């Protein structure tokens, strides 16, 4: 007999695990490989908008990136350089003391309405901050100049107090280095802090500073047989300011050095008093080897 046609009352098979009727397979159409121009533009716009919204959230933090690269990066570099000579622990403390010193310049400059840049560290040369505004007179220059040694003296003094409390010679050595560093900067020579401070007293003190520095270099050469290249560089870089004393001044230069008597007395007491305090700090913190 031939095959009978399927009866209409036959039910479709039931799939395992499924209680309903079997359904024909669903055919999913493949997306077209070609995108329209407007679709591409919309996709790019959505991507840019999403990235832009995240960038806006990061903007308050991105503005600190240049400061980190200039200050933080050069600080790390200086710590690494000093660590080759003294070990990382002392190098870190020494660089922090330099940072405190520069912070004093920054605070003093802003107190006088001057704009300043972030501190930049140079291994074996210390650090500096760039003044974006020129001081209007010798009084303002002296205030900015003495701000660093004042903060630096406080920082070294804290290290000495920690030594007194703990008896750890590490803190005494760090304090001694801080006192010595700030005392050196008080020398009335060229671009050192002392050279800027005494401009409010008398710029002719630069001559006395050079005489003392040259005498020290001669003594160092005779006793040690070598001359510090850093001291020599300080003297050479300060020569233009020294030579300016022997040139005729214009009206603007004369007005720059005009300081009120009260301001001159304030600078004089602060300058010589700080030198005495730093010398005392070096004496107290010095530990004979």
C-alpha atoms as a PDB file:
ATOM      1  CA  UNK A   1       0.000   0.000   0.000  1.00  0.00           C
ATOM      2  CA  UNK A   2       1.149   3.515  -0.606  1.00  0.00           C
ATOM      3  CA  UNK A   3       1.990   6.016   2.103  1.00  0.00           C
ATOM      4  CA  UNK A   4      -0.989   7.656   3.673  1.00  0.00           C
ATOM      5  CA  UNK A   5      -1.068  11.422   3.927  1.00  0.00           C
ATOM      6  CA  UNK A   6      -0.439  12.752   7.419  1.00  0.00           C
ATOM      7  CA  UNK A   7      -3.522  13.217   9.477  1.00  0.00           C
ATOM      8  CA  UNK A   8      -4.345  16.722  10.586  1.00  0.00           C
ATOM      9  CA  UNK A   9      -4.970  15.572  14.128  1.00  0.00           C
ATOM     10  CA  UNK A  10      -1.360  14.476  14.696  1.00  0.00           C
ATOM     11  CA  UNK A  11       0.305  16.700  17.301  1.00  0.00           C
ATOM     12  CA  UNK A  12       3.841  17.968  16.829  1.00  0.00           C
ATOM     13  CA  UNK A  13       6.575  16.394  18.942  1.00  0.00           C
ATOM     14  CA  UNK A  14       7.264  17.689  22.410  1.00  0.00           C
ATOM     15  CA  UNK A  15      10.868  18.828  23.085  1.00  0.00           C
ATOM     16  CA  UNK A  16      12.585  17.477  26.218  1.00  0.00           C
ATOM     17  CA  UNK A  17      12.417  19.948  29.085  1.00  0.00           C
ATOM     18  CA  UNK A  18       9.773  22.036  27.391  1.00  0.00           C
ATOM     19  CA  UNK A  19       6.115  21.600  28.147  1.00  0.00           C
ATOM     20  CA  UNK A  20       4.753  23.599  25.244  1.00  0.00           C
ATOM     21  CA  UNK A  21       4.504  22.899  21.577  1.00  0.00           C
ATOM     22  CA  UNK A  22       7.549  22.954  19.391  1.00  0.00           C
ATOM     23  CA  UNK A  23       7.962  26.168  17.408  1.00  0.00           C
ATOM     24  CA  UNK A  24       9.667  26.686  14.117  1.00  0.00           C
ATOM     25  CA  UNK A  25      13.233  27.967  14.396  1.00  0.00           C
ATOM     26  CA  UNK A  26      13.622  31.707  14.473  1.00  0.00           C
ATOM     27  CA  UNK A  27      15.752  33.096  11.740  1.00  0.00           C
ATOM     28  CA  UNK A  28      17.808  36.135  12.817  1.00  0.00           C
ATOM     29  CA  UNK A  29      18.678  38.456  10.017  1.00  0.00           C
ATOM     30  CA  UNK A  30      22.333  39.533   9.914  1.00  0.00           C
ATOM     31  CA  UNK A  31      22.885  43.243  10.314  1.00  0.00           C
ATOM     32  CA  UNK A  32      23.870  45.069   7.247  1.00  0.00           C
ATOM     33  CA  UNK A  33      27.613  45.683   6.992  1.00  0.00           C
ATOM     34  CA  UNK A  34      27.021  49.095   5.549  1.00  0.00           C
ATOM     35  CA  UNK A  35      26.097  51.880   7.912  1.00  0.00           C
ATOM     36  CA  UNK A  36      24.524  55.025   6.898  1.00  0.00           C
ATOM     37  CA  UNK A  37      26.395  58.313   7.179  1.00  0.00           C
ATOM     38  CA  UNK A  38      24.084  59.650   9.852  1.00  0.00           C
ATOM     39  CA  UNK A  39      24.386  56.458  11.889  1.00  0.00           C
ATOM     40  CA  UNK A  40      28.166  56.725  11.892  1.00  0.00           C
ATOM     41  CA  UNK A  41      28.029  60.375  12.921  1.00  0.00           C
ATOM     42  CA  UNK A  42      25.575  59.582  15.722  1.00  0.00           C
ATOM     43  CA  UNK A  43      27.851  56.805  17.018  1.00  0.00           C
ATOM     44  CA  UNK A  44      30.894  59.076  17.022  1.00  0.00           C
ATOM     45  CA  UNK A  45      28.955  61.853  18.729  1.00  0.00           C
ATOM     46  CA  UNK A  46      27.779  59.501  21.468  1.00  0.00           C
ATOM     47  CA  UNK A  47      31.334  58.257  22.031  1.00  0.00           C
ATOM     48  CA  UNK A  48      32.732  61.788  22.225  1.00  0.00           C
ATOM     49  CA  UNK A  49      29.971  62.887  24.576  1.00  0.00           C
ATOM     50  CA  UNK A  50      30.594  59.941  26.881  1.00  0.00           C
ATOM     51  CA  UNK A  51      34.359  60.580  26.936  1.00  0.00           C
ATOM     52  CA  UNK A  52      33.834  64.314  27.381  1.00  0.00           C
ATOM     53  CA  UNK A  53      31.589  63.840  30.395  1.00  0.00           C
ATOM     54  CA  UNK A  54      34.274  61.714  32.065  1.00  0.00           C
ATOM     55  CA  UNK A  55      36.944  64.283  31.197  1.00  0.00           C
ATOM     56  CA  UNK A  56      34.915  67.064  32.783  1.00  0.00           C
ATOM     57  CA  UNK A  57      34.785  65.071  36.009  1.00  0.00           C
ATOM     58  CA  UNK A  58      38.594  64.791  35.951  1.00  0.00           C
ATOM     59  CA  UNK A  59      39.272  68.465  35.142  1.00  0.00           C
ATOM     60  CA  UNK A  60      39.633  69.570  38.808  1.00  0.00           C
ATOM     61  CA  UNK A  61      42.381  66.964  39.195  1.00  0.00           C
ATOM     62  CA  UNK A  62      44.116  67.522  35.842  1.00  0.00           C
ATOM     63  CA  UNK A  63      45.031  71.095  36.731  1.00  0.00           C
ATOM     64  CA  UNK A  64      47.324  69.735  39.438  1.00  0.00           C
ATOM     65  CA  UNK A  65      49.272  67.608  36.947  1.00  0.00           C
ATOM     66  CA  UNK A  66      51.800  70.322  35.934  1.00  0.00           C
ATOM     67  CA  UNK A  67      52.446  71.090  39.625  1.00  0.00           C
ATOM     68  CA  UNK A  68      53.064  67.420  40.343  1.00  0.00           C
ATOM     69  CA  UNK A  69      55.418  67.097  37.397  1.00  0.00           C
ATOM     70  CA  UNK A  70      57.402  70.218  38.312  1.00  0.00           C
ATOM     71  CA  UNK A  71      57.453  69.961  42.091  1.00  0.00           C
ATOM     72  CA  UNK A  72      56.761  66.305  42.841  1.00  0.00           C
ATOM     73  CA  UNK A  73      58.869  64.995  39.973  1.00  0.00           C
ATOM     74  CA  UNK A  74      61.903  67.151  40.756  1.00  0.00           C
ATOM     75  CA  UNK A  75      61.548  66.336  44.472  1.00  0.00           C
ATOM     76  CA  UNK A  76      61.724  62.614  43.707  1.00  0.00           C
ATOM     77  CA  UNK A  77      64.719  63.234  41.470  1.00  0.00           C
ATOM     78  CA  UNK A  78      66.493  65.180  44.218  1.00  0.00           C
ATOM     79  CA  UNK A  79      65.770  62.513  46.834  1.00  0.00           C
ATOM     80  CA  UNK A  80      67.282  59.915  44.516  1.00  0.00           C
ATOM     81  CA  UNK A  81      70.388  62.036  43.924  1.00  0.00           C
ATOM     82  CA  UNK A  82      70.981  62.787  47.617  1.00  0.00           C
ATOM     83  CA  UNK A  83      70.264  59.163  48.535  1.00  0.00           C
ATOM     84  CA  UNK A  84      73.364  58.134  46.605  1.00  0.00           C
ATOM     85  CA  UNK A  85      75.428  60.046  49.173  1.00  0.00           C
ATOM     86  CA  UNK A  86      73.473  59.889  52.426  1.00  0.00           C
ATOM     87  CA  UNK A  87      70.868  57.155  52.095  1.00  0.00           C
ATOM     88  CA  UNK A  88      67.189  57.539  51.289  1.00  0.00           C
ATOM     89  CA  UNK A  89      66.012  58.391  54.811  1.00  0.00           C
ATOM     90  CA  UNK A  90      68.277  61.395  55.307  1.00  0.00           C
ATOM     91  CA  UNK A  91      67.813  62.440  51.671  1.00  0.00           C
ATOM     92  CA  UNK A  92      64.039  62.492  52.105  1.00  0.00           C
ATOM     93  CA  UNK A  93      64.271  64.593  55.281  1.00  0.00           C
ATOM     94  CA  UNK A  94      66.710  67.016  53.673  1.00  0.00           C
ATOM     95  CA  UNK A  95      64.500  67.541  50.607  1.00  0.00           C
ATOM     96  CA  UNK A  96      61.473  68.114  52.861  1.00  0.00           C
ATOM     97  CA  UNK A  97      63.423  70.833  54.711  1.00  0.00           C
ATOM     98  CA  UNK A  98      64.232  72.473  51.372  1.00  0.00           C
ATOM     99  CA  UNK A  99      60.544  72.298  50.463  1.00  0.00           C
ATOM    100  CA  UNK A 100      59.606  73.993  53.753  1.00  0.00           C
ATOM    101  CA  UNK A 101      62.138  76.730  52.969  1.00  0.00           C
ATOM    102  CA  UNK A 102      60.637  77.333  49.517  1.00  0.00           C
ATOM    103  CA  UNK A 103      57.143  77.258  50.999  1.00  0.00           C
ATOM    104  CA  UNK A 104      58.181  80.235  53.133  1.00  0.00           C
ATOM    105  CA  UNK A 105      59.102  82.198  49.994  1.00  0.00           C
ATOM    106  CA  UNK A 106      55.788  81.269  48.401  1.00  0.00           C
ATOM    107  CA  UNK A 107      53.720  82.376  51.418  1.00  0.00           C
ATOM    108  CA  UNK A 108      55.675  85.627  51.767  1.00  0.00           C
ATOM    109  CA  UNK A 109      55.329  86.442  48.065  1.00  0.00           C
ATOM    110  CA  UNK A 110      51.585  85.873  48.070  1.00  0.00           C
ATOM    111  CA  UNK A 111      51.230  87.970  51.198  1.00  0.00           C
ATOM    112  CA  UNK A 112      52.630  90.848  49.143  1.00  0.00           C
ATOM    113  CA  UNK A 113      50.245  90.195  46.249  1.00  0.00           C
ATOM    114  CA  UNK A 114      52.865  88.611  43.980  1.00  0.00           C
ATOM    115  CA  UNK A 115      52.165  85.644  41.728  1.00  0.00           C
ATOM    116  CA  UNK A 116      54.634  82.788  41.984  1.00  0.00           C
ATOM    117  CA  UNK A 117      55.232  79.478  40.274  1.00  0.00           C
ATOM    118  CA  UNK A 118      55.480  76.054  41.853  1.00  0.00           C
ATOM    119  CA  UNK A 119      58.792  75.122  43.520  1.00  0.00           C
ATOM    120  CA  UNK A 120      61.308  73.377  41.268  1.00  0.00           C
ATOM    121  CA  UNK A 121      64.120  71.270  42.752  1.00  0.00           C
ATOM    122  CA  UNK A 122      67.629  70.968  41.335  1.00  0.00           C
ATOM    123  CA  UNK A 123      69.807  68.223  42.839  1.00  0.00           C
ATOM    124  CA  UNK A 124      72.803  69.605  44.792  1.00  0.00           C
ATOM    125  CA  UNK A 125      71.603  73.155  44.069  1.00  0.00           C
ATOM    126  CA  UNK A 126      68.499  73.299  46.266  1.00  0.00           C
ATOM    127  CA  UNK A 127      65.274  74.641  44.778  1.00  0.00           C
ATOM    128  CA  UNK A 128      63.667  77.852  43.590  1.00  0.00           C
ATOM    129  CA  UNK A 129      60.311  79.437  42.888  1.00  0.00           C
ATOM    130  CA  UNK A 130      59.841  81.732  39.923  1.00  0.00           C
ATOM    131  CA  UNK A 131      58.294  85.122  40.646  1.00  0.00           C
ATOM    132  CA  UNK A 132      55.756  85.961  37.955  1.00  0.00           C
ATOM    133  CA  UNK A 133      55.548  89.542  39.266  1.00  0.00           C
ATOM    134  CA  UNK A 134      58.575  91.735  39.944  1.00  0.00           C
ATOM    135  CA  UNK A 135      58.756  93.225  43.481  1.00  0.00           C
ATOM    136  CA  UNK A 136      57.922  96.910  43.340  1.00  0.00           C
ATOM    137  CA  UNK A 137      60.537  97.951  45.887  1.00  0.00           C
ATOM    138  CA  UNK A 138      63.348  96.684  48.111  1.00  0.00           C
ATOM    139  CA  UNK A 139      61.000  96.224  51.083  1.00  0.00           C
ATOM    140  CA  UNK A 140      58.836  93.703  49.226  1.00  0.00           C
ATOM    141  CA  UNK A 141      61.931  91.939  47.912  1.00  0.00           C
ATOM    142  CA  UNK A 142      63.291  91.670  51.464  1.00  0.00           C
ATOM    143  CA  UNK A 143      60.006  90.259  52.781  1.00  0.00           C
ATOM    144  CA  UNK A 144      59.967  87.594  50.063  1.00  0.00           C
ATOM    145  CA  UNK A 145      63.645  86.843  50.628  1.00  0.00           C
ATOM    146  CA  UNK A 146      63.429  86.373  54.391  1.00  0.00           C
ATOM    147  CA  UNK A 147      60.285  84.232  54.251  1.00  0.00           C
ATOM    148  CA  UNK A 148      62.290  81.176  53.189  1.00  0.00           C
ATOM    149  CA  UNK A 149      64.889  81.284  55.998  1.00  0.00           C
ATOM    150  CA  UNK A 150      62.171  81.897  58.602  1.00  0.00           C
ATOM    151  CA  UNK A 151      60.223  78.800  57.535  1.00  0.00           C
ATOM    152  CA  UNK A 152      63.463  76.863  57.121  1.00  0.00           C
ATOM    153  CA  UNK A 153      64.585  77.770  60.638  1.00  0.00           C
ATOM    154  CA  UNK A 154      61.259  76.590  62.034  1.00  0.00           C
ATOM    155  CA  UNK A 155      61.571  73.303  60.141  1.00  0.00           C
ATOM    156  CA  UNK A 156      65.112  72.686  61.392  1.00  0.00           C
ATOM    157  CA  UNK A 157      64.031  73.662  64.908  1.00  0.00           C
ATOM    158  CA  UNK A 158      61.272  71.027  64.842  1.00  0.00           C
ATOM    159  CA  UNK A 159      63.858  68.409  63.860  1.00  0.00           C
ATOM    160  CA  UNK A 160      66.032  69.475  66.793  1.00  0.00           C
ATOM    161  CA  UNK A 161      63.094  69.240  69.207  1.00  0.00           C
ATOM    162  CA  UNK A 162      62.405  65.710  67.973  1.00  0.00           C
ATOM    163  CA  UNK A 163      66.054  64.890  68.697  1.00  0.00           C
ATOM    164  CA  UNK A 164      65.736  66.287  72.227  1.00  0.00           C
ATOM    165  CA  UNK A 165      62.578  64.229  72.815  1.00  0.00           C
ATOM    166  CA  UNK A 166      63.866  60.966  71.331  1.00  0.00           C
ATOM    167  CA  UNK A 167      67.634  61.192  71.584  1.00  0.00           C
ATOM    168  CA  UNK A 168      67.892  59.925  68.005  1.00  0.00           C
ATOM    169  CA  UNK A 169      71.059  61.413  66.399  1.00  0.00           C
ATOM    170  CA  UNK A 170      69.387  61.243  62.987  1.00  0.00           C
ATOM    171  CA  UNK A 171      67.172  64.199  63.869  1.00  0.00           C
ATOM    172  CA  UNK A 172      70.121  66.160  65.249  1.00  0.00           C
ATOM    173  CA  UNK A 173      72.058  65.670  62.013  1.00  0.00           C
ATOM    174  CA  UNK A 174      69.024  66.684  59.976  1.00  0.00           C
ATOM    175  CA  UNK A 175      68.503  69.786  62.129  1.00  0.00           C
ATOM    176  CA  UNK A 176      72.164  70.754  61.775  1.00  0.00           C
ATOM    177  CA  UNK A 177      71.937  70.469  57.983  1.00  0.00           C
ATOM    178  CA  UNK A 178      68.782  72.598  57.953  1.00  0.00           C
ATOM    179  CA  UNK A 179      70.335  75.329  60.116  1.00  0.00           C
ATOM    180  CA  UNK A 180      73.488  75.352  57.992  1.00  0.00           C
ATOM    181  CA  UNK A 181      71.558  75.479  54.707  1.00  0.00           C
ATOM    182  CA  UNK A 182      69.507  78.472  55.811  1.00  0.00           C
ATOM    183  CA  UNK A 183      72.529  80.258  57.295  1.00  0.00           C
ATOM    184  CA  UNK A 184      74.348  79.890  53.993  1.00  0.00           C
ATOM    185  CA  UNK A 185      71.370  81.427  52.194  1.00  0.00           C
ATOM    186  CA  UNK A 186      71.582  84.461  54.482  1.00  0.00           C
ATOM    187  CA  UNK A 187      74.917  85.493  52.947  1.00  0.00           C
ATOM    188  CA  UNK A 188      74.449  88.968  51.372  1.00  0.00           C
ATOM    189  CA  UNK A 189      75.501  87.850  47.904  1.00  0.00           C
ATOM    190  CA  UNK A 190      73.735  88.112  44.562  1.00  0.00           C
ATOM    191  CA  UNK A 191      70.582  86.051  44.203  1.00  0.00           C
ATOM    192  CA  UNK A 192      70.883  84.314  47.598  1.00  0.00           C
ATOM    193  CA  UNK A 193      68.192  85.170  50.146  1.00  0.00           C
ATOM    194  CA  UNK A 194      70.609  87.386  52.048  1.00  0.00           C
ATOM    195  CA  UNK A 195      71.370  89.364  48.905  1.00  0.00           C
ATOM    196  CA  UNK A 196      67.691  90.106  48.462  1.00  0.00           C
ATOM    197  CA  UNK A 197      67.126  90.935  52.127  1.00  0.00           C
ATOM    198  CA  UNK A 198      69.956  93.460  52.498  1.00  0.00           C
ATOM    199  CA  UNK A 199      68.680  95.400  49.489  1.00  0.00           C
ATOM    200  CA  UNK A 200      66.283  97.004  52.007  1.00  0.00           C
ATOM    201  CA  UNK A 201      69.206  97.901  54.288  1.00  0.00           C
ATOM    202  CA  UNK A 202      71.927  98.966  51.871  1.00  0.00           C
ATOM    203  CA  UNK A 203      72.854  97.312  48.575  1.00  0.00           C
ATOM    204  CA  UNK A 204      76.481  98.132  49.369  1.00  0.00           C
ATOM    205  CA  UNK A 205      76.370  95.208  51.782  1.00  0.00           C
ATOM    206  CA  UNK A 206      76.750  93.068  48.662  1.00  0.00           C
ATOM    207  CA  UNK A 207      80.384  94.194  48.568  1.00  0.00           C
ATOM    208  CA  UNK A 208      80.903  92.992  52.144  1.00  0.00           C
ATOM    209  CA  UNK A 209      79.261  89.690  51.254  1.00  0.00           C
ATOM    210  CA  UNK A 210      81.587  89.174  48.315  1.00  0.00           C
ATOM    211  CA  UNK A 211      84.621  90.004  50.439  1.00  0.00           C
ATOM    212  CA  UNK A 212      83.592  87.374  53.021  1.00  0.00           C
ATOM    213  CA  UNK A 213      82.843  84.758  50.364  1.00  0.00           C
ATOM    214  CA  UNK A 214      86.166  85.286  48.585  1.00  0.00           C
ATOM    215  CA  UNK A 215      88.018  85.093  51.903  1.00  0.00           C
ATOM    216  CA  UNK A 216      86.268  81.827  52.670  1.00  0.00           C
ATOM    217  CA  UNK A 217      87.118  80.404  49.240  1.00  0.00           C
ATOM    218  CA  UNK A 218      90.790  81.264  49.744  1.00  0.00           C
ATOM    219  CA  UNK A 219      90.739  79.649  53.198  1.00  0.00           C
ATOM    220  CA  UNK A 220      89.015  76.564  51.793  1.00  0.00           C
ATOM    221  CA  UNK A 221      91.568  76.276  49.006  1.00  0.00           C
ATOM    222  CA  UNK A 222      94.511  76.585  51.397  1.00  0.00           C
ATOM    223  CA  UNK A 223      93.207  74.127  54.008  1.00  0.00           C
ATOM    224  CA  UNK A 224      91.403  71.562  51.853  1.00  0.00           C
ATOM    225  CA  UNK A 225      93.180  71.982  48.569  1.00  0.00           C
ATOM    226  CA  UNK A 226      89.983  72.501  46.566  1.00  0.00           C
ATOM    227  CA  UNK A 227      87.302  75.126  46.024  1.00  0.00           C
ATOM    228  CA  UNK A 228      83.584  74.443  46.141  1.00  0.00           C
ATOM    229  CA  UNK A 229      82.182  74.767  42.604  1.00  0.00           C
ATOM    230  CA  UNK A 230      78.775  75.706  44.022  1.00  0.00           C
ATOM    231  CA  UNK A 231      80.198  78.685  45.943  1.00  0.00           C
ATOM    232  CA  UNK A 232      82.172  79.722  42.891  1.00  0.00           C
ATOM    233  CA  UNK A 233      79.043  79.566  40.724  1.00  0.00           C
ATOM    234  CA  UNK A 234      77.089  81.630  43.267  1.00  0.00           C
ATOM    235  CA  UNK A 235      79.738  84.368  43.109  1.00  0.00           C
ATOM    236  CA  UNK A 236      79.882  84.359  39.319  1.00  0.00           C
ATOM    237  CA  UNK A 237      76.088  84.488  38.872  1.00  0.00           C
ATOM    238  CA  UNK A 238      75.847  87.360  41.350  1.00  0.00           C
ATOM    239  CA  UNK A 239      78.402  89.568  39.588  1.00  0.00           C
ATOM    240  CA  UNK A 240      75.869  91.466  37.403  1.00  0.00           C
ATOM    241  CA  UNK A 241      74.034  92.662  40.507  1.00  0.00           C
ATOM    242  CA  UNK A 242      77.304  93.638  42.171  1.00  0.00           C
ATOM    243  CA  UNK A 243      78.442  95.618  39.124  1.00  0.00           C
ATOM    244  CA  UNK A 244      75.115  97.470  39.068  1.00  0.00           C
ATOM    245  CA  UNK A 245      76.272  99.342  42.185  1.00  0.00           C
ATOM    246  CA  UNK A 246      78.911 101.148  40.165  1.00  0.00           C
ATOM    247  CA  UNK A 247      76.623 102.268  37.356  1.00  0.00           C
ATOM    248  CA  UNK A 248      74.551 105.412  37.318  1.00  0.00           C
ATOM    249  CA  UNK A 249      70.987 104.714  38.438  1.00  0.00           C
ATOM    250  CA  UNK A 250      67.918 106.045  36.741  1.00  0.00           C
ATOM    251  CA  UNK A 251      64.916 107.410  38.597  1.00  0.00           C
ATOM    252  CA  UNK A 252      63.149 104.048  38.711  1.00  0.00           C
ATOM    253  CA  UNK A 253      66.192 102.288  40.221  1.00  0.00           C
ATOM    254  CA  UNK A 254      66.592 104.971  42.889  1.00  0.00           C
ATOM    255  CA  UNK A 255      62.942 104.691  43.865  1.00  0.00           C
ATOM    256  CA  UNK A 256      63.267 100.907  44.134  1.00  0.00           C
ATOM    257  CA  UNK A 257      65.720 101.268  47.055  1.00  0.00           C
ATOM    258  CA  UNK A 258      63.666 103.911  48.868  1.00  0.00           C
ATOM    259  CA  UNK A 259      62.619 102.265  52.147  1.00  0.00           C
ATOM    260  CA  UNK A 260      60.965 103.861  55.151  1.00  0.00           C
ATOM    261  CA  UNK A 261      63.084 103.978  58.350  1.00  0.00           C
ATOM    262  CA  UNK A 262      60.665 101.706  60.218  1.00  0.00           C
ATOM    263  CA  UNK A 263      60.855  99.127  57.452  1.00  0.00           C
ATOM    264  CA  UNK A 264      64.654  99.323  57.414  1.00  0.00           C
ATOM    265  CA  UNK A 265      64.807  98.746  61.178  1.00  0.00           C
ATOM    266  CA  UNK A 266      62.406  95.801  60.890  1.00  0.00           C
ATOM    267  CA  UNK A 267      64.490  94.162  58.178  1.00  0.00           C
ATOM    268  CA  UNK A 268      67.742  94.789  60.057  1.00  0.00           C
ATOM    269  CA  UNK A 269      66.510  93.257  63.330  1.00  0.00           C
ATOM    270  CA  UNK A 270      64.970  90.286  61.544  1.00  0.00           C
ATOM    271  CA  UNK A 271      68.038  89.699  59.369  1.00  0.00           C
ATOM    272  CA  UNK A 272      70.765  89.832  62.016  1.00  0.00           C
ATOM    273  CA  UNK A 273      68.535  88.205  64.643  1.00  0.00           C
ATOM    274  CA  UNK A 274      67.843  85.268  62.320  1.00  0.00           C
ATOM    275  CA  UNK A 275      71.563  84.874  61.582  1.00  0.00           C
ATOM    276  CA  UNK A 276      72.272  84.679  65.333  1.00  0.00           C
ATOM    277  CA  UNK A 277      69.441  82.168  65.825  1.00  0.00           C
ATOM    278  CA  UNK A 278      70.712  79.950  63.002  1.00  0.00           C
ATOM    279  CA  UNK A 279      74.255  80.030  64.379  1.00  0.00           C
ATOM    280  CA  UNK A 280      72.911  79.044  67.793  1.00  0.00           C
ATOM    281  CA  UNK A 281      70.906  76.219  66.229  1.00  0.00           C
ATOM    282  CA  UNK A 282      74.016  74.870  64.493  1.00  0.00           C
ATOM    283  CA  UNK A 283      75.926  74.962  67.791  1.00  0.00           C
ATOM    284  CA  UNK A 284      73.211  73.130  69.722  1.00  0.00           C
ATOM    285  CA  UNK A 285      72.548  70.480  67.060  1.00  0.00           C
ATOM    286  CA  UNK A 286      76.182  69.749  66.285  1.00  0.00           C
ATOM    287  CA  UNK A 287      77.221  66.293  67.438  1.00  0.00           C
ATOM    288  CA  UNK A 288      81.025  65.751  67.451  1.00  0.00           C
ATOM    289  CA  UNK A 289      82.000  62.764  65.340  1.00  0.00           C
END
